Each structure stands twice: as structure tokens, then as C-alpha cells.
């Protein structure tokens, strides 16, 4: 009997999660979030990106020497950073639009 209940719980969970997803999708279509919520989400994602860059920079500073070729000389005190690329934009705002191409 226990095996039968355990076997039936998997389809029940799948069906329940599908019903929840459909209801949530319909609710979001009828009541879209306010623009303040979208702006807060953009700001939160930007903050998460900056935090991820800091984590990657610190990890590379700590472990980057493990991935270099031992035969090449190491520059003293210089560790490249993810956020310090030469082709990176100076700020985190929107980038400039690309020039239009003529056919």
C-alpha cells in the first residue's frame, strides 16, 4: 500500500504544479506588475551582476596563478579583473546604439 501511495504522489505533484503554473500565468496576464516592480527587478539584477563580478575577480586573484603557464614570467602585482576589461564600458548604463548598415 505504501508503494502505491508513493507511486501516485509523483503524478499528483506534476499535475498540481502544472495547474499552479497555468493559474499564475493567467493571473499575471490579468494583473501585470507595476513599472516600479520592473525597475526594482532591473536594479536587483544589476546589483547581482556587480556582486558576481566581484566574486569572480576575487576568485581569479586568489586562484588565477594555478591556470597560467609556469614557463611564462609573471607580472608583479597585476591581476586582470572581469570588470576592468579594456573594451568594457566605463559605466553600467545602456550602451550606445550600433550604426545603421546600408544594404
PDB file of N, CA and C in Angstrom:
ATOM      1  N   UNK A   1       0.824  -1.199   0.000  1.00  0.00           N
ATOM      2  CA  UNK A   1       0.000   0.000   0.000  1.00  0.00           C
ATOM      3  C   UNK A   1       0.864   1.258   0.000  1.00  0.00           C
ATOM      4  N   UNK A   2       1.994   1.204   0.733  1.00  0.00           N
ATOM      5  CA  UNK A   2       2.871   2.369   0.780  1.00  0.00           C
ATOM      6  C   UNK A   2       3.492   2.644  -0.587  1.00  0.00           C
ATOM      7  N   UNK A   3       3.839   1.590  -1.316  1.00  0.00           N
ATOM      8  CA  UNK A   3       4.417   1.775  -2.642  1.00  0.00           C
ATOM      9  C   UNK A   3       3.410   2.387  -3.610  1.00  0.00           C
ATOM     10  N   UNK A   4       2.146   2.026  -3.472  1.00  0.00           N
ATOM     11  CA  UNK A   4       1.108   2.575  -4.342  1.00  0.00           C
ATOM     12  C   UNK A   4       0.920   4.064  -4.076  1.00  0.00           C
ATOM     13  N   UNK A   5       0.903   4.469  -2.817  1.00  0.00           N
ATOM     14  CA  UNK A   5       0.762   5.891  -2.494  1.00  0.00           C
ATOM     15  C   UNK A   5       1.970   6.687  -2.974  1.00  0.00           C
ATOM     16  N   UNK A   6       3.140   6.118  -2.803  1.00  0.00           N
ATOM     17  CA  UNK A   6       4.345   6.802  -3.262  1.00  0.00           C
ATOM     18  C   UNK A   6       4.345   6.932  -4.785  1.00  0.00           C
ATOM     19  N   UNK A   7       3.871   5.915  -5.466  1.00  0.00           N
ATOM     20  CA  UNK A   7       3.803   5.951  -6.931  1.00  0.00           C
ATOM     21  C   UNK A   7       2.796   6.980  -7.418  1.00  0.00           C
ATOM     22  N   UNK A   8       1.698   7.143  -6.713  1.00  0.00           N
ATOM     23  CA  UNK A   8       0.666   8.094  -7.126  1.00  0.00           C
ATOM     24  C   UNK A   8       1.001   9.540  -6.755  1.00  0.00           C
ATOM     25  N   UNK A   9       1.924   9.757  -5.843  1.00  0.00           N
ATOM     26  CA  UNK A   9       2.253  11.136  -5.462  1.00  0.00           C
ATOM     27  C   UNK A   9       3.013  11.865  -6.557  1.00  0.00           C
ATOM     28  N   UNK A  10       3.813  11.150  -7.336  1.00  0.00           N
ATOM     29  CA  UNK A  10       4.590  11.809  -8.393  1.00  0.00           C
ATOM     30  C   UNK A  10       3.671  12.423  -9.451  1.00  0.00           C
ATOM     31  N   UNK A  11       2.714  11.679 -10.026  1.00  0.00           N
ATOM     32  CA  UNK A  11       1.817  12.331 -10.988  1.00  0.00           C
ATOM     33  C   UNK A  11       0.957  13.421 -10.348  1.00  0.00           C
ATOM     34  N   UNK A  12       0.592  13.234  -9.082  1.00  0.00           N
ATOM     35  CA  UNK A  12      -0.216  14.260  -8.407  1.00  0.00           C
ATOM     36  C   UNK A  12       0.569  15.557  -8.256  1.00  0.00           C
ATOM     37  N   UNK A  13       1.850  15.468  -7.928  1.00  0.00           N
ATOM     38  CA  UNK A  13       2.682  16.669  -7.798  1.00  0.00           C
ATOM     39  C   UNK A  13       2.874  17.334  -9.155  1.00  0.00           C
ATOM     40  N   UNK A  14       3.064  16.543 -10.201  1.00  0.00           N
ATOM     41  CA  UNK A  14       3.245  17.104 -11.542  1.00  0.00           C
ATOM     42  C   UNK A  14       1.981  17.832 -11.997  1.00  0.00           C
ATOM     43  N   UNK A  15       0.828  17.216 -11.778  1.00  0.00           N
ATOM     44  CA  UNK A  15      -0.437  17.842 -12.174  1.00  0.00           C
ATOM     45  C   UNK A  15      -0.683  19.107 -11.352  1.00  0.00           C
ATOM     46  N   UNK A  16      -0.435  19.046 -10.055  1.00  0.00           N
ATOM     47  CA  UNK A  16      -0.655  20.216  -9.199  1.00  0.00           C
ATOM     48  C   UNK A  16       0.267  21.366  -9.590  1.00  0.00           C
ATOM     49  N   UNK A  17       1.532  21.076  -9.904  1.00  0.00           N
ATOM     50  CA  UNK A  17       2.432  22.153 -10.307  1.00  0.00           C
ATOM     51  C   UNK A  17       2.033  22.729 -11.662  1.00  0.00           C
ATOM     52  N   UNK A  18       1.516  21.907 -12.555  1.00  0.00           N
ATOM     53  CA  UNK A  18       1.035  22.411 -13.845  1.00  0.00           C
ATOM     54  C   UNK A  18      -0.167  23.313 -13.687  1.00  0.00           C
ATOM     55  N   UNK A  19      -1.110  22.913 -12.821  1.00  0.00           N
ATOM     56  CA  UNK A  19      -2.289  23.746 -12.561  1.00  0.00           C
ATOM     57  C   UNK A  19      -1.864  25.070 -11.930  1.00  0.00           C
ATOM     58  N   UNK A  20      -0.917  25.020 -11.006  1.00  0.00           N
ATOM     59  CA  UNK A  20      -0.429  26.244 -10.373  1.00  0.00           C
ATOM     60  C   UNK A  20       0.227  27.156 -11.409  1.00  0.00           C
ATOM     61  N   UNK A  21       1.031  26.602 -12.320  1.00  0.00           N
ATOM     62  CA  UNK A  21       1.707  27.410 -13.332  1.00  0.00           C
ATOM     63  C   UNK A  21       0.703  28.077 -14.262  1.00  0.00           C
ATOM     64  N   UNK A  22      -0.350  27.338 -14.655  1.00  0.00           N
ATOM     65  CA  UNK A  22      -1.374  27.916 -15.531  1.00  0.00           C
ATOM     66  C   UNK A  22      -2.112  29.040 -14.820  1.00  0.00           C
ATOM     67  N   UNK A  23      -2.493  28.819 -13.579  1.00  0.00           N
ATOM     68  CA  UNK A  23      -3.210  29.856 -12.823  1.00  0.00           C
ATOM     69  C   UNK A  23      -2.336  31.084 -12.597  1.00  0.00           C
ATOM     70  N   UNK A  24      -1.070  30.880 -12.298  1.00  0.00           N
ATOM     71  CA  UNK A  24      -0.164  32.001 -12.075  1.00  0.00           C
ATOM     72  C   UNK A  24       0.043  32.790 -13.361  1.00  0.00           C
ATOM     73  N   UNK A  25       0.145  32.105 -14.488  1.00  0.00           N
ATOM     74  CA  UNK A  25       0.312  32.777 -15.778  1.00  0.00           C
ATOM     75  C   UNK A  25      -0.917  33.622 -16.116  1.00  0.00           C
ATOM     76  N   UNK A  26      -2.095  33.071 -15.888  1.00  0.00           N
ATOM     77  CA  UNK A  26      -3.323  33.824 -16.159  1.00  0.00           C
ATOM     78  C   UNK A  26      -3.453  35.021 -15.229  1.00  0.00           C
ATOM     79  N   UNK A  27      -3.048  34.862 -13.975  1.00  0.00           N
ATOM     80  CA  UNK A  27      -3.121  35.975 -13.025  1.00  0.00           C
ATOM     81  C   UNK A  27      -2.172  37.088 -13.448  1.00  0.00           C
ATOM     82  N   UNK A  28      -0.975  36.736 -13.894  1.00  0.00           N
ATOM     83  CA  UNK A  28      -0.019  37.759 -14.309  1.00  0.00           C
ATOM     84  C   UNK A  28      -0.460  38.476 -15.576  1.00  0.00           C
ATOM     85  N   UNK A  29      -1.188  37.779 -16.457  1.00  0.00           N
ATOM     86  CA  UNK A  29      -1.699  38.445 -17.658  1.00  0.00           C
ATOM     87  C   UNK A  29      -2.804  39.431 -17.321  1.00  0.00           C
ATOM     88  N   UNK A  30      -3.637  39.071 -16.363  1.00  0.00           N
ATOM     89  CA  UNK A  30      -4.737  39.972 -15.991  1.00  0.00           C
ATOM     90  C   UNK A  30      -4.258  41.146 -15.153  1.00  0.00           C
ATOM     91  N   UNK A  31      -3.258  40.935 -14.326  1.00  0.00           N
ATOM     92  CA  UNK A  31      -2.741  41.975 -13.435  1.00  0.00           C
ATOM     93  C   UNK A  31      -1.234  42.087 -13.631  1.00  0.00           C
ATOM     94  N   UNK A  32      -0.790  42.804 -14.670  1.00  0.00           N
ATOM     95  CA  UNK A  32       0.657  42.916 -14.886  1.00  0.00           C
ATOM     96  C   UNK A  32       1.303  43.706 -13.739  1.00  0.00           C
ATOM     97  N   UNK A  33       2.578  43.438 -13.476  1.00  0.00           N
ATOM     98  CA  UNK A  33       3.242  44.152 -12.377  1.00  0.00           C
ATOM     99  C   UNK A  33       3.426  45.627 -12.727  1.00  0.00           C
ATOM    100  N   UNK A  34       3.527  46.427 -11.713  1.00  0.00           N
ATOM    101  CA  UNK A  34       3.704  47.858 -11.921  1.00  0.00           C
ATOM    102  C   UNK A  34       5.115  48.129 -12.441  1.00  0.00           C
ATOM    103  N   UNK A  35       5.330  49.282 -13.066  1.00  0.00           N
ATOM    104  CA  UNK A  35       6.668  49.591 -13.574  1.00  0.00           C
ATOM    105  C   UNK A  35       7.701  49.705 -12.460  1.00  0.00           C
ATOM    106  N   UNK A  36       7.259  50.059 -11.254  1.00  0.00           N
ATOM    107  CA  UNK A  36       8.196  50.143 -10.138  1.00  0.00           C
ATOM    108  C   UNK A  36       8.755  48.766  -9.810  1.00  0.00           C
ATOM    109  N   UNK A  37       7.924  47.747  -9.952  1.00  0.00           N
ATOM    110  CA  UNK A  37       8.388  46.387  -9.701  1.00  0.00           C
ATOM    111  C   UNK A  37       9.414  45.981 -10.753  1.00  0.00           C
ATOM    112  N   UNK A  38       9.163  46.345 -12.005  1.00  0.00           N
ATOM    113  CA  UNK A  38      10.121  46.020 -13.058  1.00  0.00           C
ATOM    114  C   UNK A  38      11.443  46.748 -12.831  1.00  0.00           C
ATOM    115  N   UNK A  39      11.344  48.007 -12.418  1.00  0.00           N
ATOM    116  CA  UNK A  39      12.567  48.771 -12.157  1.00  0.00           C
ATOM    117  C   UNK A  39      13.326  48.171 -10.986  1.00  0.00           C
ATOM    118  N   UNK A  40      12.607  47.760  -9.961  1.00  0.00           N
ATOM    119  CA  UNK A  40      13.263  47.128  -8.825  1.00  0.00           C
ATOM    120  C   UNK A  40      13.936  45.828  -9.245  1.00  0.00           C
ATOM    121  N   UNK A  41      13.312  45.086 -10.144  1.00  0.00           N
ATOM    122  CA  UNK A  41      13.916  43.843 -10.630  1.00  0.00           C
ATOM    123  C   UNK A  41      15.178  44.136 -11.439  1.00  0.00           C
ATOM    124  N   UNK A  42      15.150  45.189 -12.264  1.00  0.00           N
ATOM    125  CA  UNK A  42      16.350  45.554 -13.023  1.00  0.00           C
ATOM    126  C   UNK A  42      17.484  45.975 -12.094  1.00  0.00           C
ATOM    127  N   UNK A  43      17.150  46.772 -11.078  1.00  0.00           N
ATOM    128  CA  UNK A  43      18.175  47.201 -10.135  1.00  0.00           C
ATOM    129  C   UNK A  43      18.748  46.016  -9.363  1.00  0.00           C
ATOM    130  N   UNK A  44      17.884  45.086  -8.988  1.00  0.00           N
ATOM    131  CA  UNK A  44      18.350  43.904  -8.262  1.00  0.00           C
ATOM    132  C   UNK A  44      19.235  43.041  -9.155  1.00  0.00           C
ATOM    133  N   UNK A  45      18.882  42.899 -10.429  1.00  0.00           N
ATOM    134  CA  UNK A  45      19.722  42.097 -11.322  1.00  0.00           C
ATOM    135  C   UNK A  45      21.057  42.783 -11.562  1.00  0.00           C
ATOM    136  N   UNK A  46      21.058  44.109 -11.650  1.00  0.00           N
ATOM    137  CA  UNK A  46      22.312  44.842 -11.820  1.00  0.00           C
ATOM    138  C   UNK A  46      23.203  44.670 -10.590  1.00  0.00           C
ATOM    139  N   UNK A  47      22.591  44.718  -9.414  1.00  0.00           N
ATOM    140  CA  UNK A  47      23.349  44.524  -8.178  1.00  0.00           C
ATOM    141  C   UNK A  47      23.908  43.100  -8.094  1.00  0.00           C
ATOM    142  N   UNK A  48      23.118  42.125  -8.521  1.00  0.00           N
ATOM    143  CA  UNK A  48      23.584  40.739  -8.521  1.00  0.00           C
ATOM    144  C   UNK A  48      24.741  40.572  -9.501  1.00  0.00           C
ATOM    145  N   UNK A  49      24.685  41.248 -10.643  1.00  0.00           N
ATOM    146  CA  UNK A  49      25.765  41.177 -11.618  1.00  0.00           C
ATOM    147  C   UNK A  49      27.054  41.777 -11.057  1.00  0.00           C
ATOM    148  N   UNK A  50      26.945  42.909 -10.378  1.00  0.00           N
ATOM    149  CA  UNK A  50      28.127  43.523  -9.777  1.00  0.00           C
ATOM    150  C   UNK A  50      28.717  42.625  -8.688  1.00  0.00           C
ATOM    151  N   UNK A  51      27.853  41.990  -7.916  1.00  0.00           N
ATOM    152  CA  UNK A  51      28.327  41.071  -6.886  1.00  0.00           C
ATOM    153  C   UNK A  51      29.016  39.862  -7.516  1.00  0.00           C
ATOM    154  N   UNK A  52      28.468  39.347  -8.613  1.00  0.00           N
ATOM    155  CA  UNK A  52      29.082  38.216  -9.303  1.00  0.00           C
ATOM    156  C   UNK A  52      30.443  38.608  -9.871  1.00  0.00           C
ATOM    157  N   UNK A  53      30.548  39.815 -10.422  1.00  0.00           N
ATOM    158  CA  UNK A  53      31.839  40.283 -10.926  1.00  0.00           C
ATOM    159  C   UNK A  53      32.857  40.363  -9.807  1.00  0.00           C
ATOM    160  N   UNK A  54      32.446  40.842  -8.642  1.00  0.00           N
ATOM    161  CA  UNK A  54      33.360  40.931  -7.504  1.00  0.00           C
ATOM    162  C   UNK A  54      33.809  39.547  -7.047  1.00  0.00           C
ATOM    163  N   UNK A  55      32.887  38.592  -7.041  1.00  0.00           N
ATOM    164  CA  UNK A  55      33.241  37.232  -6.638  1.00  0.00           C
ATOM    165  C   UNK A  55      34.228  36.620  -7.629  1.00  0.00           C
ATOM    166  N   UNK A  56      33.981  36.814  -8.927  1.00  0.00           N
ATOM    167  CA  UNK A  56      34.873  36.262  -9.947  1.00  0.00           C
ATOM    168  C   UNK A  56      36.234  36.931  -9.887  1.00  0.00           C
ATOM    169  N   UNK A  57      36.263  38.246  -9.680  1.00  0.00           N
ATOM    170  CA  UNK A  57      37.539  38.951  -9.563  1.00  0.00           C
ATOM    171  C   UNK A  57      38.354  38.434  -8.381  1.00  0.00           C
ATOM    172  N   UNK A  58      37.705  38.260  -7.242  1.00  0.00           N
ATOM    173  CA  UNK A  58      38.440  37.780  -6.066  1.00  0.00           C
ATOM    174  C   UNK A  58      38.885  36.331  -6.251  1.00  0.00           C
ATOM    175  N   UNK A  59      38.058  35.513  -6.896  1.00  0.00           N
ATOM    176  CA  UNK A  59      38.453  34.120  -7.141  1.00  0.00           C
ATOM    177  C   UNK A  59      39.622  34.059  -8.112  1.00  0.00           C
ATOM    178  N   UNK A  60      39.608  34.902  -9.134  1.00  0.00           N
ATOM    179  CA  UNK A  60      40.715  34.909 -10.088  1.00  0.00           C
ATOM    180  C   UNK A  60      41.985  35.430  -9.431  1.00  0.00           C
ATOM    181  N   UNK A  61      41.839  36.423  -8.577  1.00  0.00           N
ATOM    182  CA  UNK A  61      43.018  36.936  -7.879  1.00  0.00           C
ATOM    183  C   UNK A  61      43.621  35.873  -6.977  1.00  0.00           C
ATOM    184  N   UNK A  62      42.775  35.052  -6.364  1.00  0.00           N
ATOM    185  CA  UNK A  62      43.273  34.019  -5.461  1.00  0.00           C
ATOM    186  C   UNK A  62      43.777  32.790  -6.205  1.00  0.00           C
ATOM    187  N   UNK A  63      43.110  32.399  -7.294  1.00  0.00           N
ATOM    188  CA  UNK A  63      43.421  31.132  -7.953  1.00  0.00           C
ATOM    189  C   UNK A  63      43.938  31.277  -9.372  1.00  0.00           C
ATOM    190  N   UNK A  64      44.087  32.474  -9.875  1.00  0.00           N
ATOM    191  CA  UNK A  64      44.494  32.678 -11.260  1.00  0.00           C
ATOM    192  C   UNK A  64      45.862  32.137 -11.575  1.00  0.00           C
ATOM    193  N   UNK A  65      46.773  32.154 -10.609  1.00  0.00           N
ATOM    194  CA  UNK A  65      48.124  31.658 -10.860  1.00  0.00           C
ATOM    195  C   UNK A  65      48.143  30.159 -11.122  1.00  0.00           C
ATOM    196  N   UNK A  66      47.101  29.442 -10.722  1.00  0.00           N
ATOM    197  CA  UNK A  66      47.046  27.997 -10.967  1.00  0.00           C
ATOM    198  C   UNK A  66      46.828  27.669 -12.441  1.00  0.00           C
ATOM    199  N   UNK A  67      46.265  28.611 -13.194  1.00  0.00           N
ATOM    200  CA  UNK A  67      45.917  28.359 -14.585  1.00  0.00           C
ATOM    201  C   UNK A  67      46.892  28.966 -15.572  1.00  0.00           C
ATOM    202  N   UNK A  68      47.939  29.606 -15.112  1.00  0.00           N
ATOM    203  CA  UNK A  68      48.911  30.204 -16.020  1.00  0.00           C
ATOM    204  C   UNK A  68      49.992  29.189 -16.361  1.00  0.00           C
ATOM    205  N   UNK A  69      50.670  29.446 -17.465  1.00  0.00           N
ATOM    206  CA  UNK A  69      51.767  28.582 -17.895  1.00  0.00           C
ATOM    207  C   UNK A  69      52.969  28.846 -16.989  1.00  0.00           C
ATOM    208  N   UNK A  70      53.532  27.817 -16.377  1.00  0.00           N
ATOM    209  CA  UNK A  70      54.645  28.048 -15.459  1.00  0.00           C
ATOM    210  C   UNK A  70      55.901  28.569 -16.156  1.00  0.00           C
ATOM    211  N   UNK A  71      56.016  28.393 -17.470  1.00  0.00           N
ATOM    212  CA  UNK A  71      57.214  28.836 -18.175  1.00  0.00           C
ATOM    213  C   UNK A  71      57.208  30.340 -18.440  1.00  0.00           C
ATOM    214  N   UNK A  72      56.042  30.972 -18.441  1.00  0.00           N
ATOM    215  CA  UNK A  72      55.977  32.410 -18.716  1.00  0.00           C
ATOM    216  C   UNK A  72      56.243  33.200 -17.448  1.00  0.00           C
ATOM    217  N   UNK A  73      56.930  34.345 -17.575  1.00  0.00           N
ATOM    218  CA  UNK A  73      57.176  35.167 -16.381  1.00  0.00           C
ATOM    219  C   UNK A  73      55.877  35.839 -15.919  1.00  0.00           C
ATOM    220  N   UNK A  74      55.730  35.972 -14.619  1.00  0.00           N
ATOM    221  CA  UNK A  74      54.529  36.578 -14.036  1.00  0.00           C
ATOM    222  C   UNK A  74      54.769  38.062 -13.787  1.00  0.00           C
ATOM    223  N   UNK A  75      53.847  38.925 -14.212  1.00  0.00           N
ATOM    224  CA  UNK A  75      53.983  40.347 -13.888  1.00  0.00           C
ATOM    225  C   UNK A  75      53.743  40.546 -12.394  1.00  0.00           C
ATOM    226  N   UNK A  76      54.489  41.438 -11.807  1.00  0.00           N
ATOM    227  CA  UNK A  76      54.409  41.640 -10.359  1.00  0.00           C
ATOM    228  C   UNK A  76      53.165  42.431  -9.992  1.00  0.00           C
ATOM    229  N   UNK A  77      52.307  41.828  -9.178  1.00  0.00           N
ATOM    230  CA  UNK A  77      51.164  42.519  -8.599  1.00  0.00           C
ATOM    231  C   UNK A  77      50.037  42.854  -9.547  1.00  0.00           C
ATOM    232  N   UNK A  78      50.044  42.375 -10.756  1.00  0.00           N
ATOM    233  CA  UNK A  78      48.974  42.720 -11.692  1.00  0.00           C
ATOM    234  C   UNK A  78      48.067  41.517 -11.881  1.00  0.00           C
ATOM    235  N   UNK A  79      46.800  41.682 -11.521  1.00  0.00           N
ATOM    236  CA  UNK A  79      45.808  40.635 -11.756  1.00  0.00           C
ATOM    237  C   UNK A  79      44.683  41.236 -12.571  1.00  0.00           C
ATOM    238  N   UNK A  80      44.394  40.683 -13.743  1.00  0.00           N
ATOM    239  CA  UNK A  80      43.300  41.226 -14.550  1.00  0.00           C
ATOM    240  C   UNK A  80      41.965  40.996 -13.856  1.00  0.00           C
ATOM    241  N   UNK A  81      41.044  41.896 -14.078  1.00  0.00           N
ATOM    242  CA  UNK A  81      39.728  41.804 -13.462  1.00  0.00           C
ATOM    243  C   UNK A  81      38.662  41.686 -14.529  1.00  0.00           C
ATOM    244  N   UNK A  82      37.554  41.069 -14.178  1.00  0.00           N
ATOM    245  CA  UNK A  82      36.446  40.934 -15.115  1.00  0.00           C
ATOM    246  C   UNK A  82      35.889  42.300 -15.452  1.00  0.00           C
ATOM    247  N   UNK A  83      35.707  43.141 -14.446  1.00  0.00           N
ATOM    248  CA  UNK A  83      35.107  44.450 -14.677  1.00  0.00           C
ATOM    249  C   UNK A  83      36.103  45.460 -15.220  1.00  0.00           C
ATOM    250  N   UNK A  84      37.390  45.131 -15.292  1.00  0.00           N
ATOM    251  CA  UNK A  84      38.390  46.077 -15.746  1.00  0.00           C
ATOM    252  C   UNK A  84      38.894  45.812 -17.138  1.00  0.00           C
ATOM    253  N   UNK A  85      38.074  45.230 -17.990  1.00  0.00           N
ATOM    254  CA  UNK A  85      38.493  44.968 -19.357  1.00  0.00           C
ATOM    255  C   UNK A  85      38.700  46.271 -20.104  1.00  0.00           C
ATOM    256  N   UNK A  86      39.538  46.226 -21.137  1.00  0.00           N
ATOM    257  CA  UNK A  86      39.787  47.442 -21.911  1.00  0.00           C
ATOM    258  C   UNK A  86      38.611  47.796 -22.799  1.00  0.00           C
ATOM    259  N   UNK A  87      37.832  46.795 -23.243  1.00  0.00           N
ATOM    260  CA  UNK A  87      36.694  47.080 -24.112  1.00  0.00           C
ATOM    261  C   UNK A  87      35.397  47.265 -23.338  1.00  0.00           C
ATOM    262  N   UNK A  88      35.459  47.263 -22.016  1.00  0.00           N
ATOM    263  CA  UNK A  88      34.254  47.429 -21.205  1.00  0.00           C
ATOM    264  C   UNK A  88      33.838  48.893 -21.192  1.00  0.00           C
ATOM    265  N   UNK A  89      32.552  49.121 -21.048  1.00  0.00           N
ATOM    266  CA  UNK A  89      32.069  50.489 -20.976  1.00  0.00           C
ATOM    267  C   UNK A  89      32.412  51.075 -19.619  1.00  0.00           C
ATOM    268  N   UNK A  90      32.613  52.397 -19.520  1.00  0.00           N
ATOM    269  CA  UNK A  90      33.024  52.986 -18.255  1.00  0.00           C
ATOM    270  C   UNK A  90      31.918  52.972 -17.194  1.00  0.00           C
ATOM    271  N   UNK A  91      30.682  52.934 -17.602  1.00  0.00           N
ATOM    272  CA  UNK A  91      29.595  52.888 -16.634  1.00  0.00           C
ATOM    273  C   UNK A  91      28.708  51.686 -16.933  1.00  0.00           C
ATOM    274  N   UNK A  92      27.737  51.471 -16.071  1.00  0.00           N
ATOM    275  CA  UNK A  92      26.864  50.320 -16.233  1.00  0.00           C
ATOM    276  C   UNK A  92      25.524  50.710 -16.842  1.00  0.00           C
ATOM    277  N   UNK A  93      25.479  51.826 -17.518  1.00  0.00           N
ATOM    278  CA  UNK A  93      24.258  52.277 -18.174  1.00  0.00           C
ATOM    279  C   UNK A  93      24.090  51.599 -19.526  1.00  0.00           C
ATOM    280  N   UNK A  94      23.068  52.007 -20.269  1.00  0.00           N
ATOM    281  CA  UNK A  94      22.849  51.397 -21.591  1.00  0.00           C
ATOM    282  C   UNK A  94      23.976  51.780 -22.548  1.00  0.00           C
ATOM    283  N   UNK A  95      24.308  50.855 -23.433  1.00  0.00           N
ATOM    284  CA  UNK A  95      25.375  51.113 -24.388  1.00  0.00           C
ATOM    285  C   UNK A  95      24.843  51.926 -25.563  1.00  0.00           C
ATOM    286  N   UNK A  96      25.768  52.464 -26.349  1.00  0.00           N
ATOM    287  CA  UNK A  96      25.403  53.278 -27.499  1.00  0.00           C
ATOM    288  C   UNK A  96      24.850  52.373 -28.595  1.00  0.00           C
ATOM    289  N   UNK A  97      23.858  52.834 -29.357  1.00  0.00           N
ATOM    290  CA  UNK A  97      23.320  52.002 -30.452  1.00  0.00           C
ATOM    291  C   UNK A  97      24.348  51.858 -31.570  1.00  0.00           C
ATOM    292  N   UNK A  98      24.274  50.730 -32.240  1.00  0.00           N
ATOM    293  CA  UNK A  98      25.182  50.463 -33.357  1.00  0.00           C
ATOM    294  C   UNK A  98      24.783  51.309 -34.552  1.00  0.00           C
ATOM    295  N   UNK A  99      25.759  51.691 -35.384  1.00  0.00           N
ATOM    296  CA  UNK A  99      25.401  52.471 -36.577  1.00  0.00           C
ATOM    297  C   UNK A  99      24.601  51.615 -37.556  1.00  0.00           C
ATOM    298  N   UNK A 100      23.697  52.263 -38.269  1.00  0.00           N
ATOM    299  CA  UNK A 100      22.839  51.543 -39.208  1.00  0.00           C
ATOM    300  C   UNK A 100      23.661  51.145 -40.433  1.00  0.00           C
ATOM    301  N   UNK A 101      23.366  49.976 -40.966  1.00  0.00           N
ATOM    302  CA  UNK A 101      24.067  49.483 -42.147  1.00  0.00           C
ATOM    303  C   UNK A 101      23.222  49.761 -43.392  1.00  0.00           C
ATOM    304  N   UNK A 102      23.899  50.080 -44.452  1.00  0.00           N
ATOM    305  CA  UNK A 102      23.195  50.257 -45.718  1.00  0.00           C
ATOM    306  C   UNK A 102      23.300  48.987 -46.520  1.00  0.00           C
ATOM    307  N   UNK A 103      22.207  48.585 -47.171  1.00  0.00           N
ATOM    308  CA  UNK A 103      22.265  47.334 -47.963  1.00  0.00           C
ATOM    309  C   UNK A 103      23.087  47.435 -49.207  1.00  0.00           C
TER     310      UNK A 103
END
